[in-house]
Protein backbone atom coordinates (compact mmCIF):
# COMPACT_ATOMS: atom_id res chain seq x y z
CA MET A 1 -42.88 -20.70 55.57
CA ASP A 2 -40.94 -18.48 58.09
CA GLU A 3 -38.44 -17.86 55.23
CA ASP A 4 -41.16 -17.07 52.70
CA LYS A 5 -42.16 -14.17 54.81
CA LYS A 6 -38.75 -12.76 55.47
CA TYR A 7 -37.68 -12.28 51.86
CA LYS A 8 -40.16 -10.53 49.71
CA THR A 9 -39.79 -9.96 46.21
CA PRO A 10 -38.19 -6.44 45.67
CA GLN A 11 -41.31 -4.96 43.64
CA GLY A 12 -39.93 -1.39 43.81
CA THR A 13 -36.60 -2.57 42.19
CA ILE A 14 -38.45 -4.47 39.49
CA ALA A 15 -40.46 -1.36 38.84
CA ILE A 16 -37.39 0.87 38.41
CA MET A 17 -35.80 -1.59 36.30
CA ILE A 18 -38.69 -1.73 34.08
CA ILE A 19 -39.05 1.98 33.73
CA PHE A 20 -35.35 2.30 33.04
CA VAL A 21 -35.38 -0.32 30.25
CA ILE A 22 -38.57 1.31 28.72
CA LEU A 23 -36.88 4.52 29.09
CA ILE A 24 -33.57 3.31 27.27
CA ILE A 25 -35.59 1.70 24.40
CA ALA A 26 -37.57 5.08 23.88
CA LEU A 27 -34.45 7.27 23.82
CA TRP A 28 -32.73 4.93 21.46
CA GLY A 29 -35.76 4.56 19.35
CA SER A 30 -35.94 8.40 19.12
CA ALA A 31 -32.35 8.78 17.96
CA TYR A 32 -33.05 5.84 15.41
CA LEU A 33 -36.04 7.62 14.15
CA THR A 34 -34.07 10.88 13.85
CA LEU A 35 -31.34 9.27 11.88
CA LEU A 36 -34.04 7.78 9.60
CA SER A 37 -35.50 11.23 9.05
CA ARG A 38 -32.22 12.76 7.92
CA GLY A 39 -31.20 10.15 5.85
CA VAL A 40 -28.06 9.34 7.47
CA THR A 41 -28.31 5.71 6.82
CA GLN A 42 -28.34 5.86 3.01
């Protein structure tokens, strides 16, 4: 039980990683939609 108290889950790091992944998905999605709207994929 003492070891469980020493090592806490790095919740701040997990939150930053989730925000980073969402940001990357949003940026790539926006670039993809821009390409679709310009008709580049045809």
